[in-house]
N, C-alpha and C. Protein backbone atom coordinates (compact mmCIF):
# COMPACT_ATOMS: atom_id res chain seq x y z
N MET A 1 30.09 -8.72 -29.79
CA MET A 1 29.79 -10.04 -30.35
C MET A 1 29.07 -10.85 -29.29
N ALA A 2 28.02 -11.48 -29.69
CA ALA A 2 27.27 -12.35 -28.77
C ALA A 2 28.08 -13.60 -28.51
N PRO A 3 28.09 -14.07 -27.30
CA PRO A 3 28.85 -15.29 -27.01
C PRO A 3 28.28 -16.49 -27.75
N LEU A 4 29.16 -17.37 -28.11
CA LEU A 4 28.76 -18.63 -28.72
C LEU A 4 28.09 -19.46 -27.65
N GLN A 5 26.93 -19.95 -27.94
CA GLN A 5 26.19 -20.68 -26.92
C GLN A 5 26.56 -22.16 -26.94
N SER A 6 26.37 -22.77 -25.83
CA SER A 6 26.63 -24.19 -25.70
C SER A 6 25.75 -24.97 -26.66
N SER A 7 26.24 -26.09 -27.09
CA SER A 7 25.47 -26.91 -28.02
C SER A 7 24.18 -27.42 -27.39
N HIS A 8 24.04 -27.29 -26.07
CA HIS A 8 22.77 -27.69 -25.44
C HIS A 8 21.65 -26.73 -25.80
N SER A 9 21.96 -25.44 -26.01
CA SER A 9 20.92 -24.48 -26.32
C SER A 9 20.86 -24.14 -27.80
N ARG A 10 21.95 -24.26 -28.52
CA ARG A 10 21.96 -24.00 -29.95
C ARG A 10 22.98 -24.93 -30.59
N PRO A 11 22.56 -25.80 -31.45
CA PRO A 11 23.52 -26.72 -32.07
C PRO A 11 24.58 -25.97 -32.87
N LEU A 12 25.80 -26.40 -32.72
CA LEU A 12 26.92 -25.82 -33.46
C LEU A 12 27.14 -26.55 -34.78
N ALA A 13 26.31 -27.50 -35.11
CA ALA A 13 26.56 -28.38 -36.26
C ALA A 13 26.91 -27.61 -37.52
N GLY A 14 26.16 -26.59 -37.87
CA GLY A 14 26.44 -25.82 -39.08
C GLY A 14 27.78 -25.12 -39.03
N ASP A 15 28.08 -24.50 -37.88
CA ASP A 15 29.35 -23.81 -37.71
C ASP A 15 30.51 -24.80 -37.75
N ILE A 16 30.34 -25.93 -37.08
CA ILE A 16 31.39 -26.95 -37.05
C ILE A 16 31.58 -27.54 -38.45
N GLU A 17 30.51 -27.72 -39.19
CA GLU A 17 30.63 -28.21 -40.57
C GLU A 17 31.45 -27.24 -41.41
N THR A 18 31.28 -25.96 -41.18
CA THR A 18 32.07 -24.95 -41.90
C THR A 18 33.55 -25.13 -41.58
N LEU A 19 33.88 -25.31 -40.30
CA LEU A 19 35.27 -25.52 -39.92
C LEU A 19 35.82 -26.80 -40.54
N SER A 20 35.02 -27.85 -40.53
CA SER A 20 35.45 -29.11 -41.14
C SER A 20 35.72 -28.92 -42.63
N TYR A 21 34.86 -28.15 -43.30
CA TYR A 21 35.06 -27.88 -44.73
C TYR A 21 36.37 -27.12 -44.95
N VAL A 22 36.61 -26.09 -44.15
CA VAL A 22 37.86 -25.31 -44.30
C VAL A 22 39.05 -26.22 -44.04
N ASN A 23 38.95 -27.08 -43.03
CA ASN A 23 40.04 -28.01 -42.74
C ASN A 23 40.26 -28.97 -43.91
N SER A 24 39.17 -29.45 -44.53
CA SER A 24 39.33 -30.35 -45.68
C SER A 24 39.97 -29.62 -46.85
N MET A 25 39.69 -28.33 -47.00
CA MET A 25 40.33 -27.55 -48.06
C MET A 25 41.83 -27.40 -47.79
N MET A 26 42.20 -27.26 -46.52
CA MET A 26 43.63 -27.19 -46.18
C MET A 26 44.32 -28.51 -46.50
N GLU A 27 43.63 -29.60 -46.17
CA GLU A 27 44.20 -30.92 -46.48
C GLU A 27 44.33 -31.12 -47.99
N ALA A 28 43.32 -30.67 -48.74
CA ALA A 28 43.39 -30.77 -50.20
C ALA A 28 44.56 -29.95 -50.73
N PHE A 29 44.72 -28.75 -50.20
CA PHE A 29 45.85 -27.90 -50.61
C PHE A 29 47.17 -28.64 -50.39
N ARG A 30 47.34 -29.18 -49.19
CA ARG A 30 48.60 -29.87 -48.86
C ARG A 30 48.81 -31.12 -49.72
N ALA A 31 47.72 -31.81 -50.00
CA ALA A 31 47.84 -33.03 -50.80
C ALA A 31 48.29 -32.73 -52.23
N PHE A 32 47.89 -31.60 -52.74
CA PHE A 32 48.20 -31.30 -54.14
C PHE A 32 49.33 -30.30 -54.31
N ASP A 33 49.90 -29.86 -53.21
CA ASP A 33 51.11 -29.05 -53.27
C ASP A 33 52.26 -30.05 -53.40
N SER A 34 52.41 -30.57 -54.60
CA SER A 34 53.27 -31.75 -54.83
C SER A 34 54.72 -31.55 -54.40
N ASN A 35 55.23 -30.34 -54.46
CA ASN A 35 56.62 -30.14 -54.05
C ASN A 35 56.73 -29.55 -52.64
N ASN A 36 55.59 -29.47 -51.93
CA ASN A 36 55.55 -28.99 -50.54
C ASN A 36 56.21 -27.64 -50.32
N ASP A 37 56.05 -26.75 -51.31
CA ASP A 37 56.62 -25.42 -51.16
C ASP A 37 55.64 -24.40 -50.61
N GLY A 38 54.40 -24.86 -50.29
CA GLY A 38 53.40 -23.95 -49.75
C GLY A 38 52.70 -23.12 -50.80
N LEU A 39 52.89 -23.49 -52.07
CA LEU A 39 52.27 -22.77 -53.17
C LEU A 39 51.70 -23.76 -54.18
N ILE A 40 50.65 -23.36 -54.85
CA ILE A 40 50.02 -24.23 -55.85
C ILE A 40 50.12 -23.57 -57.22
N THR A 41 50.52 -24.38 -58.19
CA THR A 41 50.61 -23.93 -59.58
C THR A 41 49.28 -24.23 -60.29
N CYS A 42 49.18 -23.77 -61.55
CA CYS A 42 47.97 -24.07 -62.34
C CYS A 42 47.76 -25.58 -62.46
N ASP A 43 48.82 -26.32 -62.73
CA ASP A 43 48.68 -27.78 -62.85
C ASP A 43 48.22 -28.42 -61.56
N GLU A 44 48.78 -27.97 -60.44
CA GLU A 44 48.36 -28.52 -59.14
C GLU A 44 46.90 -28.17 -58.85
N LEU A 45 46.48 -26.95 -59.19
CA LEU A 45 45.09 -26.56 -58.96
C LEU A 45 44.14 -27.41 -59.80
N LYS A 46 44.53 -27.68 -61.03
CA LYS A 46 43.70 -28.52 -61.89
C LYS A 46 43.55 -29.92 -61.26
N GLY A 47 44.62 -30.42 -60.67
CA GLY A 47 44.56 -31.72 -59.98
C GLY A 47 43.63 -31.69 -58.79
N ILE A 48 43.65 -30.58 -58.02
CA ILE A 48 42.75 -30.44 -56.88
C ILE A 48 41.31 -30.47 -57.36
N MET A 49 41.03 -29.70 -58.39
CA MET A 49 39.66 -29.62 -58.92
C MET A 49 39.19 -31.00 -59.39
N ALA A 50 40.05 -31.71 -60.08
CA ALA A 50 39.69 -33.04 -60.56
C ALA A 50 39.39 -33.98 -59.40
N SER A 51 40.18 -33.87 -58.33
CA SER A 51 39.96 -34.73 -57.17
C SER A 51 38.64 -34.43 -56.48
N LEU A 52 38.15 -33.20 -56.64
CA LEU A 52 36.89 -32.81 -56.03
C LEU A 52 35.70 -33.06 -56.95
N GLY A 53 35.96 -33.72 -58.10
CA GLY A 53 34.88 -34.09 -59.00
C GLY A 53 34.61 -33.09 -60.11
N TYR A 54 35.46 -32.10 -60.25
CA TYR A 54 35.29 -31.11 -61.31
C TYR A 54 36.30 -31.40 -62.41
N ASN A 55 35.98 -31.00 -63.62
CA ASN A 55 36.89 -31.20 -64.73
C ASN A 55 37.03 -29.89 -65.50
N PRO A 56 37.71 -28.89 -64.89
CA PRO A 56 37.82 -27.59 -65.54
C PRO A 56 38.79 -27.61 -66.72
N THR A 57 38.54 -26.71 -67.66
CA THR A 57 39.47 -26.55 -68.78
C THR A 57 40.70 -25.80 -68.27
N THR A 58 41.75 -25.82 -69.06
CA THR A 58 42.96 -25.09 -68.68
C THR A 58 42.66 -23.60 -68.53
N GLU A 59 41.82 -23.06 -69.41
CA GLU A 59 41.46 -21.64 -69.31
C GLU A 59 40.67 -21.35 -68.04
N GLU A 60 39.77 -22.25 -67.64
CA GLU A 60 39.02 -22.07 -66.39
C GLU A 60 39.95 -22.08 -65.19
N VAL A 61 40.94 -22.95 -65.22
CA VAL A 61 41.92 -23.01 -64.13
C VAL A 61 42.73 -21.72 -64.08
N ARG A 62 43.14 -21.24 -65.24
CA ARG A 62 43.89 -19.97 -65.28
C ARG A 62 43.06 -18.82 -64.73
N GLU A 63 41.77 -18.81 -65.06
CA GLU A 63 40.89 -17.76 -64.55
C GLU A 63 40.75 -17.87 -63.03
N MET A 64 40.63 -19.08 -62.50
CA MET A 64 40.57 -19.26 -61.05
C MET A 64 41.84 -18.75 -60.39
N MET A 65 42.96 -19.06 -61.01
CA MET A 65 44.24 -18.59 -60.49
C MET A 65 44.28 -17.06 -60.49
N ARG A 66 43.83 -16.45 -61.55
CA ARG A 66 43.83 -14.98 -61.62
C ARG A 66 42.95 -14.38 -60.52
N ARG A 67 41.79 -14.99 -60.29
CA ARG A 67 40.88 -14.47 -59.27
C ARG A 67 41.43 -14.66 -57.87
N GLY A 68 42.09 -15.78 -57.62
CA GLY A 68 42.57 -16.09 -56.28
C GLY A 68 43.94 -15.56 -55.95
N ASP A 69 44.72 -15.25 -56.95
CA ASP A 69 46.12 -14.86 -56.77
C ASP A 69 46.22 -13.39 -56.37
N ALA A 70 46.00 -13.12 -55.10
CA ALA A 70 45.96 -11.74 -54.60
C ALA A 70 47.28 -11.00 -54.80
N ASP A 71 48.40 -11.68 -54.65
CA ASP A 71 49.68 -11.00 -54.79
C ASP A 71 50.25 -11.05 -56.21
N LYS A 72 49.49 -11.65 -57.12
CA LYS A 72 49.81 -11.67 -58.56
C LYS A 72 51.18 -12.27 -58.87
N ASP A 73 51.53 -13.34 -58.12
CA ASP A 73 52.80 -14.02 -58.38
C ASP A 73 52.62 -15.25 -59.26
N GLY A 74 51.39 -15.51 -59.72
CA GLY A 74 51.12 -16.66 -60.58
C GLY A 74 50.95 -17.96 -59.82
N LEU A 75 50.90 -17.88 -58.49
CA LEU A 75 50.78 -19.06 -57.64
C LEU A 75 49.72 -18.78 -56.58
N LEU A 76 49.19 -19.85 -55.99
CA LEU A 76 48.24 -19.71 -54.89
C LEU A 76 48.90 -20.16 -53.60
N SER A 77 48.87 -19.29 -52.60
CA SER A 77 49.32 -19.68 -51.27
C SER A 77 48.14 -20.35 -50.56
N MET A 78 48.40 -20.95 -49.43
CA MET A 78 47.32 -21.56 -48.63
C MET A 78 46.26 -20.51 -48.32
N GLU A 79 46.70 -19.32 -47.90
CA GLU A 79 45.77 -18.26 -47.54
C GLU A 79 44.91 -17.87 -48.74
N GLU A 80 45.51 -17.71 -49.90
CA GLU A 80 44.76 -17.34 -51.10
C GLU A 80 43.78 -18.45 -51.50
N PHE A 81 44.22 -19.69 -51.39
CA PHE A 81 43.37 -20.83 -51.72
C PHE A 81 42.15 -20.88 -50.81
N LEU A 82 42.37 -20.70 -49.52
CA LEU A 82 41.26 -20.72 -48.57
C LEU A 82 40.34 -19.52 -48.80
N GLU A 83 40.91 -18.39 -49.08
CA GLU A 83 40.09 -17.20 -49.36
C GLU A 83 39.15 -17.47 -50.53
N MET A 84 39.66 -18.12 -51.56
CA MET A 84 38.84 -18.47 -52.73
C MET A 84 37.70 -19.40 -52.34
N ASN A 85 37.99 -20.36 -51.50
CA ASN A 85 37.04 -21.42 -51.19
C ASN A 85 36.16 -21.14 -49.98
N ALA A 86 36.51 -20.14 -49.19
CA ALA A 86 35.73 -19.84 -48.00
C ALA A 86 34.92 -18.55 -48.13
N ALA A 87 35.06 -17.86 -49.24
CA ALA A 87 34.41 -16.57 -49.42
C ALA A 87 32.89 -16.65 -49.28
N GLU A 88 32.29 -17.73 -49.70
CA GLU A 88 30.83 -17.86 -49.68
C GLU A 88 30.31 -18.53 -48.40
N LEU A 89 31.20 -18.94 -47.52
CA LEU A 89 30.78 -19.64 -46.32
C LEU A 89 30.21 -18.68 -45.28
N ASP A 90 29.29 -19.18 -44.49
CA ASP A 90 28.75 -18.43 -43.37
C ASP A 90 29.15 -19.16 -42.10
N PRO A 91 30.25 -18.74 -41.47
CA PRO A 91 30.72 -19.45 -40.28
C PRO A 91 29.93 -19.12 -39.02
N GLY A 92 28.91 -18.29 -39.13
CA GLY A 92 28.12 -17.96 -37.95
C GLY A 92 28.96 -17.27 -36.90
N ASP A 93 28.69 -17.59 -35.65
CA ASP A 93 29.37 -16.96 -34.53
C ASP A 93 30.85 -17.32 -34.46
N LEU A 94 31.24 -18.38 -35.14
CA LEU A 94 32.62 -18.85 -35.01
C LEU A 94 33.65 -17.93 -35.63
N ALA A 95 33.30 -17.18 -36.67
CA ALA A 95 34.30 -16.32 -37.33
C ALA A 95 34.92 -15.35 -36.33
N GLY A 96 34.10 -14.57 -35.68
CA GLY A 96 34.62 -13.61 -34.71
C GLY A 96 35.29 -14.28 -33.53
N LEU A 97 34.73 -15.38 -33.10
CA LEU A 97 35.29 -16.12 -31.99
C LEU A 97 36.70 -16.62 -32.30
N LEU A 98 36.87 -17.20 -33.48
CA LEU A 98 38.19 -17.73 -33.86
C LEU A 98 39.19 -16.61 -34.10
N GLN A 99 38.74 -15.49 -34.65
CA GLN A 99 39.64 -14.36 -34.86
C GLN A 99 40.12 -13.79 -33.53
N THR A 100 39.20 -13.69 -32.57
CA THR A 100 39.58 -13.25 -31.23
C THR A 100 40.58 -14.23 -30.62
N ALA A 101 40.27 -15.51 -30.74
CA ALA A 101 41.16 -16.54 -30.19
C ALA A 101 42.54 -16.48 -30.83
N ALA A 102 42.60 -16.32 -32.14
CA ALA A 102 43.89 -16.27 -32.83
C ALA A 102 44.72 -15.08 -32.34
N ALA A 103 44.06 -13.96 -32.12
CA ALA A 103 44.77 -12.78 -31.63
C ALA A 103 45.31 -12.99 -30.22
N LEU A 104 44.58 -13.73 -29.40
CA LEU A 104 44.97 -13.94 -28.01
C LEU A 104 45.84 -15.17 -27.79
N LEU A 105 45.83 -16.09 -28.75
CA LEU A 105 46.47 -17.39 -28.53
C LEU A 105 47.98 -17.40 -28.60
N GLY A 106 48.59 -16.54 -29.37
CA GLY A 106 50.03 -16.58 -29.56
C GLY A 106 50.81 -17.00 -28.34
N PRO A 107 50.76 -16.21 -27.27
CA PRO A 107 51.50 -16.58 -26.07
C PRO A 107 50.91 -17.78 -25.32
N ALA A 108 49.64 -18.10 -25.57
CA ALA A 108 48.99 -19.19 -24.82
C ALA A 108 49.15 -20.55 -25.47
N ALA A 109 49.56 -20.58 -26.74
CA ALA A 109 49.71 -21.87 -27.43
C ALA A 109 50.70 -22.73 -26.66
N GLY A 110 50.53 -24.02 -26.71
CA GLY A 110 51.39 -24.94 -25.99
C GLY A 110 52.85 -24.80 -26.38
N ASP A 111 53.71 -25.45 -25.61
CA ASP A 111 55.15 -25.38 -25.86
C ASP A 111 55.50 -25.80 -27.27
N ASP A 112 54.70 -26.71 -27.84
CA ASP A 112 54.97 -27.20 -29.18
C ASP A 112 54.23 -26.36 -30.23
N GLY A 113 53.57 -25.28 -29.81
CA GLY A 113 52.86 -24.41 -30.74
C GLY A 113 51.49 -24.93 -31.11
N ASP A 114 51.00 -25.93 -30.39
CA ASP A 114 49.70 -26.51 -30.70
C ASP A 114 48.60 -25.89 -29.84
N VAL A 115 47.40 -25.87 -30.40
CA VAL A 115 46.23 -25.37 -29.70
C VAL A 115 45.35 -26.57 -29.38
N THR A 116 45.09 -26.78 -28.11
CA THR A 116 44.19 -27.85 -27.67
C THR A 116 42.87 -27.22 -27.25
N ALA A 117 41.87 -28.04 -27.01
CA ALA A 117 40.58 -27.54 -26.54
C ALA A 117 40.74 -26.80 -25.22
N GLU A 118 41.59 -27.31 -24.35
CA GLU A 118 41.79 -26.67 -23.05
C GLU A 118 42.43 -25.30 -23.19
N ILE A 119 43.42 -25.20 -24.06
CA ILE A 119 44.08 -23.90 -24.29
C ILE A 119 43.09 -22.92 -24.91
N LEU A 120 42.34 -23.38 -25.89
CA LEU A 120 41.34 -22.52 -26.53
C LEU A 120 40.32 -22.04 -25.50
N PHE A 121 39.87 -22.94 -24.65
CA PHE A 121 38.90 -22.58 -23.61
C PHE A 121 39.49 -21.56 -22.64
N GLN A 122 40.75 -21.74 -22.23
CA GLN A 122 41.39 -20.79 -21.32
C GLN A 122 41.40 -19.39 -21.92
N VAL A 123 41.72 -19.31 -23.20
CA VAL A 123 41.79 -18.01 -23.87
C VAL A 123 40.41 -17.40 -24.03
N LEU A 124 39.44 -18.22 -24.43
CA LEU A 124 38.11 -17.69 -24.71
C LEU A 124 37.25 -17.52 -23.46
N SER A 125 37.59 -18.19 -22.37
CA SER A 125 36.76 -18.06 -21.17
C SER A 125 36.78 -16.63 -20.63
N CYS A 126 37.91 -15.95 -20.79
CA CYS A 126 37.96 -14.55 -20.34
C CYS A 126 37.15 -13.65 -21.26
N GLU A 127 36.88 -14.09 -22.47
CA GLU A 127 36.04 -13.36 -23.41
C GLU A 127 34.58 -13.76 -23.28
N ASP A 128 34.29 -14.73 -22.42
CA ASP A 128 32.94 -15.25 -22.23
C ASP A 128 32.38 -15.74 -23.56
N GLY A 129 33.23 -16.40 -24.35
CA GLY A 129 32.84 -16.74 -25.69
C GLY A 129 32.50 -18.17 -25.98
N ALA A 130 32.94 -19.12 -25.18
CA ALA A 130 32.70 -20.52 -25.53
C ALA A 130 32.88 -21.40 -24.30
N SER A 131 32.13 -22.47 -24.29
CA SER A 131 32.28 -23.47 -23.22
C SER A 131 33.41 -24.42 -23.59
N LEU A 132 33.83 -25.23 -22.64
CA LEU A 132 34.84 -26.25 -22.92
C LEU A 132 34.32 -27.22 -23.97
N GLU A 133 33.02 -27.54 -23.89
CA GLU A 133 32.40 -28.42 -24.88
C GLU A 133 32.51 -27.81 -26.29
N ASP A 134 32.22 -26.51 -26.40
CA ASP A 134 32.35 -25.82 -27.69
C ASP A 134 33.78 -25.91 -28.20
N CYS A 135 34.73 -25.63 -27.32
CA CYS A 135 36.15 -25.64 -27.70
C CYS A 135 36.59 -27.04 -28.13
N THR A 136 36.08 -28.05 -27.45
CA THR A 136 36.40 -29.43 -27.82
C THR A 136 35.88 -29.74 -29.22
N GLU A 137 34.64 -29.30 -29.51
CA GLU A 137 34.07 -29.51 -30.85
C GLU A 137 34.86 -28.76 -31.92
N ILE A 138 35.27 -27.53 -31.62
CA ILE A 138 36.03 -26.73 -32.58
C ILE A 138 37.34 -27.43 -32.91
N ILE A 139 38.10 -27.80 -31.89
CA ILE A 139 39.40 -28.43 -32.13
C ILE A 139 39.22 -29.78 -32.83
N ALA A 140 38.22 -30.55 -32.44
CA ALA A 140 37.99 -31.85 -33.09
C ALA A 140 37.70 -31.68 -34.58
N SER A 141 36.99 -30.62 -34.94
CA SER A 141 36.66 -30.42 -36.36
C SER A 141 37.87 -30.00 -37.17
N LEU A 142 38.91 -29.51 -36.51
CA LEU A 142 40.12 -29.05 -37.20
C LEU A 142 41.30 -30.01 -37.06
N ASP A 143 41.13 -31.04 -36.26
CA ASP A 143 42.22 -31.95 -35.91
C ASP A 143 42.34 -33.07 -36.95
N ALA A 144 43.12 -32.81 -37.98
CA ALA A 144 43.24 -33.75 -39.10
C ALA A 144 43.90 -35.07 -38.70
N ASP A 145 44.85 -35.02 -37.77
CA ASP A 145 45.58 -36.25 -37.44
C ASP A 145 45.09 -36.92 -36.16
N GLY A 146 44.07 -36.38 -35.53
CA GLY A 146 43.47 -37.02 -34.37
C GLY A 146 44.27 -36.96 -33.09
N ASP A 147 45.24 -36.04 -33.00
CA ASP A 147 46.07 -35.96 -31.80
C ASP A 147 45.51 -35.02 -30.73
N GLY A 148 44.33 -34.44 -31.00
CA GLY A 148 43.69 -33.57 -30.02
C GLY A 148 44.18 -32.14 -30.04
N ALA A 149 44.93 -31.78 -31.09
CA ALA A 149 45.47 -30.43 -31.17
C ALA A 149 45.56 -29.98 -32.63
N VAL A 150 45.65 -28.66 -32.79
CA VAL A 150 45.82 -28.03 -34.10
C VAL A 150 47.01 -27.09 -33.98
N SER A 151 47.85 -27.05 -34.99
CA SER A 151 48.98 -26.14 -34.91
C SER A 151 48.46 -24.70 -34.85
N PHE A 152 49.17 -23.86 -34.12
CA PHE A 152 48.77 -22.46 -34.02
C PHE A 152 48.77 -21.82 -35.40
N GLU A 153 49.72 -22.18 -36.23
CA GLU A 153 49.78 -21.62 -37.59
C GLU A 153 48.52 -21.97 -38.38
N ASP A 154 48.11 -23.22 -38.34
CA ASP A 154 46.88 -23.62 -39.03
C ASP A 154 45.66 -22.91 -38.44
N PHE A 155 45.63 -22.78 -37.12
CA PHE A 155 44.52 -22.10 -36.47
C PHE A 155 44.41 -20.66 -36.98
N LYS A 156 45.54 -19.96 -37.07
CA LYS A 156 45.54 -18.58 -37.56
C LYS A 156 45.05 -18.52 -39.01
N ILE A 157 45.51 -19.44 -39.85
CA ILE A 157 45.11 -19.45 -41.26
C ILE A 157 43.60 -19.66 -41.37
N ILE A 158 43.06 -20.57 -40.58
CA ILE A 158 41.61 -20.84 -40.63
C ILE A 158 40.83 -19.61 -40.16
N ALA A 159 41.27 -19.00 -39.08
CA ALA A 159 40.58 -17.82 -38.57
C ALA A 159 40.57 -16.70 -39.61
N GLN A 160 41.70 -16.51 -40.31
CA GLN A 160 41.78 -15.49 -41.35
C GLN A 160 40.86 -15.82 -42.52
N ALA A 161 40.75 -17.08 -42.85
CA ALA A 161 39.92 -17.50 -43.98
C ALA A 161 38.44 -17.24 -43.73
N LEU A 162 38.03 -17.18 -42.47
CA LEU A 162 36.63 -17.02 -42.13
C LEU A 162 36.23 -15.57 -41.87
N ARG A 163 37.05 -14.64 -42.28
CA ARG A 163 36.70 -13.22 -42.05
C ARG A 163 35.44 -12.86 -42.76
């Protein structure tokens, strides 16, 4: 895999926009998982679609559920939801980079299980994959609450969604 170049030589804007989109899909999932069980029902999916400006019929929602429900339990998990919504995305160099980082990050994640730009850079610097500036942009695009970190669990889910 070619190393991700610094934004000085190649803008990461498109790749970062992809991460921001995946992060917004995670936030949408959480917002409409009304009982916070980590799963979405047909009714909850219809609510998500409506919030995004779509007005699908009940049959269209059922068909989406059938397509996205990989384990055939009649519900969508976060992973299944992201798979549905990220399948057409082109994350560029970031897909492989994030997958490598997720594989290496487990033991490197902070004491609280969070991934910061510095931790991401430490892990990826040995792979010659990203600058600190790149890592800062990556984490900022995924940092929904503005605390400068992303949970390791969310990081893994995003990396898997971008395969």
